[in-house]
Amino acid sequence: MIQLISLIIFIVSSGVLLFLLYKKIPVLVNLPKNGHHGFKKPKTLKKLEKRIKDIHFDFFEKQIFLHKILSKAKIWILKTETKIDGLLHGIRKNAQQLDSKKKRKK
């Protein structure tokens, strides 16, 4: 039963697909081969598109430059933080030693 239903759905789907191809093939044949739609853009529109693309590219270059600067700043800050952590650890160690000496004297 399930195979019969599947076969019917397949046959109907194939028939619809063939019908659509039969109706649309003449339209598809008339389309230009190189992918152009046949309309020319005005010169002002071409210039505007070029300017927008140039601005977008400049913006992208600026983002890369900013990313490099921020990455280097992050590395520098992490190195500084590590040095400060080492110094604080040494200060805490010295403070604990001084506290232990004071407790021994009492």
C-alpha atoms as a PDB file:
ATOM      1  CA  MET A   1       0.000   0.000   0.000  1.00  0.00           C
ATOM      2  CA  ILE A   2       2.773   2.431   0.976  1.00  0.00           C
ATOM      3  CA  GLN A   3       4.672   1.568  -2.194  1.00  0.00           C
ATOM      4  CA  LEU A   4       1.612   2.312  -4.299  1.00  0.00           C
ATOM      5  CA  ILE A   5       1.137   5.710  -2.652  1.00  0.00           C
ATOM      6  CA  SER A   6       4.845   6.484  -3.133  1.00  0.00           C
ATOM      7  CA  LEU A   7       4.637   5.489  -6.787  1.00  0.00           C
ATOM      8  CA  ILE A   8       1.589   7.695  -7.362  1.00  0.00           C
ATOM      9  CA  ILE A   9       3.284  10.692  -5.679  1.00  0.00           C
ATOM     10  CA  PHE A  10       6.406  10.105  -7.792  1.00  0.00           C
ATOM     11  CA  ILE A  11       4.449   9.890 -11.047  1.00  0.00           C
ATOM     12  CA  VAL A  12       2.385  13.021 -10.267  1.00  0.00           C
ATOM     13  CA  SER A  13       5.515  14.972  -9.250  1.00  0.00           C
ATOM     14  CA  SER A  14       7.329  13.916 -12.413  1.00  0.00           C
ATOM     15  CA  GLY A  15       4.321  14.901 -14.528  1.00  0.00           C
ATOM     16  CA  VAL A  16       4.147  18.353 -12.918  1.00  0.00           C
ATOM     17  CA  LEU A  17       7.883  18.825 -13.409  1.00  0.00           C
ATOM     18  CA  LEU A  18       7.669  17.874 -17.078  1.00  0.00           C
ATOM     19  CA  PHE A  19       4.691  20.200 -17.581  1.00  0.00           C
ATOM     20  CA  LEU A  20       6.582  23.132 -16.015  1.00  0.00           C
ATOM     21  CA  LEU A  21       9.636  22.430 -18.156  1.00  0.00           C
ATOM     22  CA  TYR A  22       7.467  22.246 -21.288  1.00  0.00           C
ATOM     23  CA  LYS A  23       5.942  25.646 -20.505  1.00  0.00           C
ATOM     24  CA  LYS A  24       9.161  27.402 -19.426  1.00  0.00           C
ATOM     25  CA  ILE A  25      11.778  26.120 -21.893  1.00  0.00           C
ATOM     26  CA  PRO A  26      10.822  28.675 -24.609  1.00  0.00           C
ATOM     27  CA  VAL A  27      11.204  31.485 -22.076  1.00  0.00           C
ATOM     28  CA  LEU A  28      14.558  30.126 -20.902  1.00  0.00           C
ATOM     29  CA  VAL A  29      15.829  29.890 -24.481  1.00  0.00           C
ATOM     30  CA  ASN A  30      15.108  33.590 -25.023  1.00  0.00           C
ATOM     31  CA  LEU A  31      17.235  34.678 -22.051  1.00  0.00           C
ATOM     32  CA  PRO A  32      20.654  36.156 -22.903  1.00  0.00           C
ATOM     33  CA  LYS A  33      23.551  33.707 -22.800  1.00  0.00           C
ATOM     34  CA  ASN A  34      26.032  35.946 -20.949  1.00  0.00           C
ATOM     35  CA  GLY A  35      23.823  36.516 -17.914  1.00  0.00           C
ATOM     36  CA  HIS A  36      23.027  40.173 -18.572  1.00  0.00           C
ATOM     37  CA  HIS A  37      19.429  41.250 -18.397  1.00  0.00           C
ATOM     38  CA  GLY A  38      19.653  43.619 -21.350  1.00  0.00           C
ATOM     39  CA  PHE A  39      19.288  46.918 -19.477  1.00  0.00           C
ATOM     40  CA  LYS A  40      22.149  49.398 -19.231  1.00  0.00           C
ATOM     41  CA  LYS A  41      22.762  51.306 -16.035  1.00  0.00           C
ATOM     42  CA  PRO A  42      23.039  55.074 -16.181  1.00  0.00           C
ATOM     43  CA  LYS A  43      26.549  56.488 -15.772  1.00  0.00           C
ATOM     44  CA  THR A  44      25.626  58.289 -12.569  1.00  0.00           C
ATOM     45  CA  LEU A  45      24.404  55.050 -11.028  1.00  0.00           C
ATOM     46  CA  LYS A  46      27.633  53.290 -12.050  1.00  0.00           C
ATOM     47  CA  LYS A  47      29.719  56.072 -10.479  1.00  0.00           C
ATOM     48  CA  LEU A  48      27.654  55.951  -7.294  1.00  0.00           C
ATOM     49  CA  GLU A  49      28.060  52.179  -7.028  1.00  0.00           C
ATOM     50  CA  LYS A  50      31.814  52.495  -7.545  1.00  0.00           C
ATOM     51  CA  ARG A  51      32.102  55.148  -4.819  1.00  0.00           C
ATOM     52  CA  ILE A  52      30.111  53.030  -2.385  1.00  0.00           C
ATOM     53  CA  LYS A  53      32.320  50.015  -3.089  1.00  0.00           C
ATOM     54  CA  ASP A  54      35.479  52.115  -2.617  1.00  0.00           C
ATOM     55  CA  ILE A  55      34.206  53.510   0.687  1.00  0.00           C
ATOM     56  CA  HIS A  56      33.272  50.044   1.872  1.00  0.00           C
ATOM     57  CA  PHE A  57      36.748  48.739   0.980  1.00  0.00           C
ATOM     58  CA  ASP A  58      38.416  51.655   2.800  1.00  0.00           C
ATOM     59  CA  PHE A  59      36.213  50.955   5.812  1.00  0.00           C
ATOM     60  CA  PHE A  60      37.298  47.304   5.704  1.00  0.00           C
ATOM     61  CA  GLU A  61      40.978  48.318   5.577  1.00  0.00           C
ATOM     62  CA  LYS A  62      40.431  50.632   8.540  1.00  0.00           C
ATOM     63  CA  GLN A  63      38.845  47.788  10.476  1.00  0.00           C
ATOM     64  CA  ILE A  64      41.855  45.559   9.803  1.00  0.00           C
ATOM     65  CA  PHE A  65      44.200  48.317  10.964  1.00  0.00           C
ATOM     66  CA  LEU A  66      42.090  48.863  14.105  1.00  0.00           C
ATOM     67  CA  HIS A  67      42.047  45.122  14.759  1.00  0.00           C
ATOM     68  CA  LYS A  68      45.853  44.980  14.598  1.00  0.00           C
ATOM     69  CA  ILE A  69      46.210  47.935  16.970  1.00  0.00           C
ATOM     70  CA  LEU A  70      43.738  46.490  19.456  1.00  0.00           C
ATOM     71  CA  SER A  71      45.400  43.056  19.314  1.00  0.00           C
ATOM     72  CA  LYS A  72      48.803  44.560  20.075  1.00  0.00           C
ATOM     73  CA  ALA A  73      47.314  46.654  22.881  1.00  0.00           C
ATOM     74  CA  LYS A  74      45.695  43.545  24.357  1.00  0.00           C
ATOM     75  CA  ILE A  75      49.017  41.662  24.288  1.00  0.00           C
ATOM     76  CA  TRP A  76      50.817  44.608  25.897  1.00  0.00           C
ATOM     77  CA  ILE A  77      48.163  44.870  28.614  1.00  0.00           C
ATOM     78  CA  LEU A  78      48.328  41.138  29.329  1.00  0.00           C
ATOM     79  CA  LYS A  79      52.116  41.269  29.642  1.00  0.00           C
ATOM     80  CA  THR A  80      51.858  44.246  31.999  1.00  0.00           C
ATOM     81  CA  GLU A  81      49.182  42.493  34.033  1.00  0.00           C
ATOM     82  CA  THR A  82      51.420  39.430  34.388  1.00  0.00           C
ATOM     83  CA  LYS A  83      54.316  41.578  35.633  1.00  0.00           C
ATOM     84  CA  ILE A  84      52.068  43.388  38.105  1.00  0.00           C
ATOM     85  CA  ASP A  85      50.714  40.049  39.336  1.00  0.00           C
ATOM     86  CA  GLY A  86      54.268  38.819  39.940  1.00  0.00           C
ATOM     87  CA  LEU A  87      55.144  41.988  41.850  1.00  0.00           C
ATOM     88  CA  LEU A  88      51.995  41.754  43.983  1.00  0.00           C
ATOM     89  CA  HIS A  89      52.723  38.113  44.725  1.00  0.00           C
ATOM     90  CA  GLY A  90      56.207  39.063  45.923  1.00  0.00           C
ATOM     91  CA  ILE A  91      54.830  41.903  48.082  1.00  0.00           C
ATOM     92  CA  ARG A  92      52.262  39.566  49.660  1.00  0.00           C
ATOM     93  CA  LYS A  93      54.963  37.001  50.346  1.00  0.00           C
ATOM     94  CA  ASN A  94      57.141  39.640  52.036  1.00  0.00           C
ATOM     95  CA  ALA A  95      54.151  40.860  54.063  1.00  0.00           C
ATOM     96  CA  GLN A  96      53.429  37.315  55.264  1.00  0.00           C
ATOM     97  CA  GLN A  97      57.071  36.860  56.272  1.00  0.00           C
ATOM     98  CA  LEU A  98      56.983  40.135  58.224  1.00  0.00           C
ATOM     99  CA  ASP A  99      53.751  39.052  59.955  1.00  0.00           C
ATOM    100  CA  SER A 100      55.259  35.701  60.892  1.00  0.00           C
ATOM    101  CA  LYS A 101      58.360  37.459  62.337  1.00  0.00           C
ATOM    102  CA  LYS A 102      56.163  39.776  64.431  1.00  0.00           C
ATOM    103  CA  LYS A 103      54.200  36.811  65.797  1.00  0.00           C
ATOM    104  CA  ARG A 104      57.458  35.013  66.770  1.00  0.00           C
ATOM    105  CA  LYS A 105      58.697  38.050  68.703  1.00  0.00           C
ATOM    106  CA  LYS A 106      55.564  38.144  70.841  1.00  0.00           C
END
